């Protein structure tokens, strides 16, 4: 991977492979193309706003990994977008710290299936913590799993989905770390319900 220099306070976003696989040049509004359009708009807006792409070695290898019967993991659109991001010096390489955090997080899940899912995606968390604590993924299942974690480091991570209603405006604002986009954010109604059930269990 090439090295990134002179950050100039740009926000860096960890982008999951499901986004770069889905993004396409086809920007039509057909129902079967809406995912591709949302992912493409997300990537293009990132670039227009000069927001950085965060890479760890593991994420970089995952992006470049070939899948069965496919030439490469990412779409042609995303491959061209990535080349353009490098040309604009908008790629930041990070080396995540080995702190034992992963083991602490896994201890919060009882089912082996959940532990496996969390472990598989934890490289996104590690890269985000080594950068600006911001992740983009099209998979809400991943986000919901990590929202269950009580560890403060995880709760402070911003996690956005390209299909979120306000996500493009958020990018245009510079991807600020607003509380409502963090994994630890609980709506007032959810918080009240949580307190209610805690009292009834006592």
Protein backbone atom coordinates (compact mmCIF):
# COMPACT_ATOMS: atom_id res chain seq x y z
CA UNK A 1 0.00 0.00 0.00
CA UNK A 2 1.15 3.53 -0.69
CA UNK A 3 1.68 5.81 2.27
CA UNK A 4 -0.54 8.80 2.96
CA UNK A 5 1.03 12.08 4.08
CA UNK A 6 -0.22 15.55 5.02
CA UNK A 7 -3.69 14.70 6.34
CA UNK A 8 -4.70 18.37 6.76
CA UNK A 9 -7.42 17.39 9.27
CA UNK A 10 -9.52 15.44 6.77
CA UNK A 11 -11.94 12.95 8.32
CA UNK A 12 -11.09 9.35 7.44
CA UNK A 13 -13.79 6.71 6.88
CA UNK A 14 -13.38 2.93 6.98
CA UNK A 15 -15.41 1.58 4.04
CA UNK A 16 -16.63 -2.02 4.20
CA UNK A 17 -16.17 -4.26 1.17
CA UNK A 18 -19.94 -4.68 0.68
CA UNK A 19 -20.06 -1.05 -0.50
CA UNK A 20 -17.26 -1.31 -3.03
CA UNK A 21 -18.66 -4.58 -4.34
CA UNK A 22 -22.13 -3.08 -4.87
CA UNK A 23 -21.17 0.33 -6.30
CA UNK A 24 -21.74 0.68 -10.03
CA UNK A 25 -21.77 3.14 -12.93
CA UNK A 26 -25.49 2.39 -13.31
CA UNK A 27 -27.18 5.25 -11.45
CA UNK A 28 -30.75 4.42 -12.51
CA UNK A 29 -33.63 4.38 -10.04
CA UNK A 30 -34.71 0.81 -10.80
CA UNK A 31 -35.52 -1.13 -7.64
CA UNK A 32 -32.87 -3.74 -8.39
CA UNK A 33 -30.24 -1.01 -8.85
CA UNK A 34 -31.00 1.13 -5.80
CA UNK A 35 -28.26 -0.46 -3.68
CA UNK A 36 -25.66 0.19 -6.38
CA UNK A 37 -26.80 3.80 -6.71
CA UNK A 38 -26.69 4.45 -2.95
CA UNK A 39 -23.19 2.98 -2.66
CA UNK A 40 -21.92 4.85 -5.70
CA UNK A 41 -23.29 8.18 -4.47
CA UNK A 42 -21.70 7.58 -1.10
CA UNK A 43 -18.25 6.97 -2.62
CA UNK A 44 -18.49 9.86 -5.07
CA UNK A 45 -19.59 12.27 -2.34
CA UNK A 46 -16.73 11.11 -0.12
CA UNK A 47 -14.34 12.01 -2.92
CA UNK A 48 -16.01 15.33 -3.73
CA UNK A 49 -15.82 16.38 -0.08
CA UNK A 50 -12.16 15.27 0.13
CA UNK A 51 -12.87 12.79 2.90
CA UNK A 52 -10.19 10.14 3.32
CA UNK A 53 -10.47 6.40 2.82
CA UNK A 54 -8.95 4.50 5.75
CA UNK A 55 -7.05 1.31 4.97
CA UNK A 56 -5.48 -1.22 7.27
CA UNK A 57 -3.47 -4.02 5.67
CA UNK A 58 -6.32 -6.47 6.30
CA UNK A 59 -8.95 -4.21 4.73
CA UNK A 60 -6.71 -3.53 1.73
CA UNK A 61 -6.22 -7.27 1.16
CA UNK A 62 -9.95 -7.87 1.53
CA UNK A 63 -10.73 -5.21 -1.07
CA UNK A 64 -8.29 -6.77 -3.53
CA UNK A 65 -9.26 -10.37 -2.80
CA UNK A 66 -10.73 -12.33 -5.68
CA UNK A 67 -14.01 -14.17 -5.21
CA UNK A 68 -15.04 -17.39 -6.88
CA UNK A 69 -15.90 -16.84 -10.57
CA UNK A 70 -15.04 -13.14 -10.29
CA UNK A 71 -11.98 -11.23 -11.48
CA UNK A 72 -11.79 -9.13 -8.29
CA UNK A 73 -13.72 -8.33 -5.12
CA UNK A 74 -14.55 -4.71 -5.90
CA UNK A 75 -16.58 -3.54 -8.91
CA UNK A 76 -14.94 -1.79 -11.88
CA UNK A 77 -16.54 1.45 -10.68
CA UNK A 78 -14.92 1.06 -7.27
CA UNK A 79 -11.54 0.11 -8.73
CA UNK A 80 -11.53 3.35 -10.76
CA UNK A 81 -12.73 5.29 -7.72
CA UNK A 82 -9.92 3.85 -5.59
CA UNK A 83 -7.30 4.77 -8.20
CA UNK A 84 -8.69 8.31 -8.20
CA UNK A 85 -8.58 8.45 -4.39
CA UNK A 86 -4.89 7.51 -4.47
CA UNK A 87 -4.24 10.14 -7.15
CA UNK A 88 -5.91 12.78 -4.96
CA UNK A 89 -3.93 11.64 -1.89
CA UNK A 90 -7.13 10.72 -0.08
CA UNK A 91 -6.04 7.30 1.19
CA UNK A 92 -4.79 6.95 4.76
CA UNK A 93 -3.02 3.77 5.87
CA UNK A 94 -3.25 2.81 9.53
CA UNK A 95 -1.77 0.11 11.74
CA UNK A 96 -4.32 -0.98 14.37
CA UNK A 97 -3.10 -1.51 17.92
CA UNK A 98 -3.18 -5.01 19.40
CA UNK A 99 -4.74 -4.08 22.75
CA UNK A 100 -6.80 -7.13 23.67
CA UNK A 101 -9.98 -5.18 22.96
CA UNK A 102 -11.30 -7.85 20.63
CA UNK A 103 -11.26 -10.49 23.37
CA UNK A 104 -13.12 -8.15 25.73
CA UNK A 105 -15.79 -7.52 23.09
CA UNK A 106 -16.23 -11.21 22.30
CA UNK A 107 -16.81 -11.92 25.99
CA UNK A 108 -20.03 -9.89 25.76
CA UNK A 109 -21.59 -12.42 23.38
CA UNK A 110 -22.80 -15.85 24.45
CA UNK A 111 -23.63 -17.57 21.16
CA UNK A 112 -20.74 -18.89 19.08
CA UNK A 113 -22.44 -17.67 15.90
CA UNK A 114 -22.50 -14.13 17.27
CA UNK A 115 -18.88 -14.36 18.36
CA UNK A 116 -17.94 -15.55 14.85
CA UNK A 117 -19.82 -12.68 13.16
CA UNK A 118 -18.27 -10.07 15.46
CA UNK A 119 -14.78 -11.53 15.08
CA UNK A 120 -15.09 -11.56 11.28
CA UNK A 121 -15.90 -7.85 11.15
CA UNK A 122 -13.71 -6.63 14.00
CA UNK A 123 -10.97 -5.44 11.62
CA UNK A 124 -13.33 -2.58 10.69
CA UNK A 125 -13.50 -1.54 14.35
CA UNK A 126 -9.72 -1.77 14.77
CA UNK A 127 -9.07 0.40 11.71
CA UNK A 128 -11.66 2.96 12.80
CA UNK A 129 -10.09 3.24 16.26
CA UNK A 130 -6.72 3.86 14.63
CA UNK A 131 -8.20 6.72 12.59
CA UNK A 132 -11.29 8.91 13.16
CA UNK A 133 -13.68 6.30 14.62
CA UNK A 134 -15.93 6.28 11.55
CA UNK A 135 -17.22 3.27 9.57
CA UNK A 136 -19.45 2.91 6.53
CA UNK A 137 -21.10 -0.42 5.74
CA UNK A 138 -24.25 -1.52 3.91
CA UNK A 139 -24.81 -4.33 6.41
CA UNK A 140 -27.12 -3.29 9.26
CA UNK A 141 -26.70 -6.72 10.83
CA UNK A 142 -23.06 -5.85 11.55
CA UNK A 143 -24.01 -2.49 13.02
CA UNK A 144 -26.71 -4.00 15.24
CA UNK A 145 -24.26 -6.55 16.64
CA UNK A 146 -21.76 -3.89 17.69
CA UNK A 147 -24.53 -1.67 19.11
CA UNK A 148 -24.96 -4.35 21.81
CA UNK A 149 -21.40 -3.84 23.11
CA UNK A 150 -21.11 -1.88 26.36
CA UNK A 151 -17.40 -0.95 26.02
CA UNK A 152 -16.96 2.81 25.69
CA UNK A 153 -14.40 2.63 22.86
CA UNK A 154 -16.92 0.77 20.71
CA UNK A 155 -19.86 2.97 21.72
CA UNK A 156 -18.03 6.09 20.49
CA UNK A 157 -17.61 4.81 16.93
CA UNK A 158 -19.75 6.42 14.21
CA UNK A 159 -21.30 3.81 11.90
CA UNK A 160 -23.21 4.92 8.79
CA UNK A 161 -25.00 3.06 6.00
CA UNK A 162 -25.20 4.46 2.42
CA UNK A 163 -28.96 3.88 2.55
CA UNK A 164 -29.40 6.11 5.65
CA UNK A 165 -31.74 8.93 4.69
CA UNK A 166 -29.41 11.80 5.61
CA UNK A 167 -26.06 10.18 4.85
CA UNK A 168 -25.18 12.32 1.81
CA UNK A 169 -25.86 15.55 3.70
CA UNK A 170 -23.75 14.19 6.55
CA UNK A 171 -20.85 13.63 4.14
CA UNK A 172 -21.28 17.15 2.74
CA UNK A 173 -21.02 18.48 6.30
CA UNK A 174 -17.63 16.77 6.59
CA UNK A 175 -18.83 13.54 8.28
CA UNK A 176 -19.07 15.02 11.82
CA UNK A 177 -19.13 12.54 14.75
CA UNK A 178 -22.66 13.36 15.91
CA UNK A 179 -23.91 11.38 18.89
CA UNK A 180 -26.95 10.03 17.04
CA UNK A 181 -24.70 8.22 14.56
CA UNK A 182 -22.59 6.49 17.21
CA UNK A 183 -22.96 2.83 18.11
CA UNK A 184 -23.67 3.72 21.73
CA UNK A 185 -26.54 6.10 20.92
CA UNK A 186 -29.92 5.07 22.30
CA UNK A 187 -33.13 6.89 21.38
CA UNK A 188 -35.01 8.37 24.33
CA UNK A 189 -37.86 5.87 23.88
CA UNK A 190 -35.41 2.96 23.79
CA UNK A 191 -33.65 4.24 26.92
CA UNK A 192 -36.96 4.54 28.80
CA UNK A 193 -37.94 1.00 27.80
CA UNK A 194 -34.55 -0.29 28.92
CA UNK A 195 -34.92 1.37 32.34
CA UNK A 196 -38.46 0.02 32.66
CA UNK A 197 -37.41 -3.58 32.07
CA UNK A 198 -34.44 -3.20 34.42
CA UNK A 199 -36.85 -2.11 37.19
CA UNK A 200 -39.33 -4.92 36.52
CA UNK A 201 -36.51 -7.49 36.65
CA UNK A 202 -35.46 -6.35 40.13
